[in-house]
Amino acid sequence: MVSKVIYTGDLRTEATHLKSGIKLITDAPLDNQGKGEAFSPTDLMSTSLGTCMLTIMGIAARTHHIFMDGTTVEVKKIMAENPRRISEIHTLLQIPDNSLTDKQKAILENAATTCPVMLSLHPDIKKVITFNYLK
């Protein structure tokens, strides 16, 4: 098992990563009866895409000796109704250029777009991915 999740009441959960003991809290969002004081479950799902993209890019960068420290990803999710679900996830990756070659950029972009979370998302979810190489 990866985690144990407890419903603590008032639309809040506490999840514990079993190997490390690290905990995180979720709240229902303000637009769905919650307090919005922590990530919502759908926030975590969309954020998981961003963290997965960076992790797999990091593996590719290590393998190909590409420096990408300082790379960030901003994640935006768009919800749909009836049924309530994530309809779009937008990611903006800000990558320090560090004189990257076109081949190195392609390696990083391929890693990001083929990460396990990306490949696990339902095909009906629109994914908008923007790579911005900073000078």
Foldseek 3Di string as FASTA:
>chain_A
DQWDWDDPDQQKIWIAGVVPRDIAMAWDCPVPNTDNPGHHPVSVLLVVLQVQLVVLLVVLCVVVVNDFPPKHKDKDWDWDVPPTDTQEIEIEIETAPPVDDPVSVVSSVVSSCPGPSNVVDDPRRHYHYHYHHDD
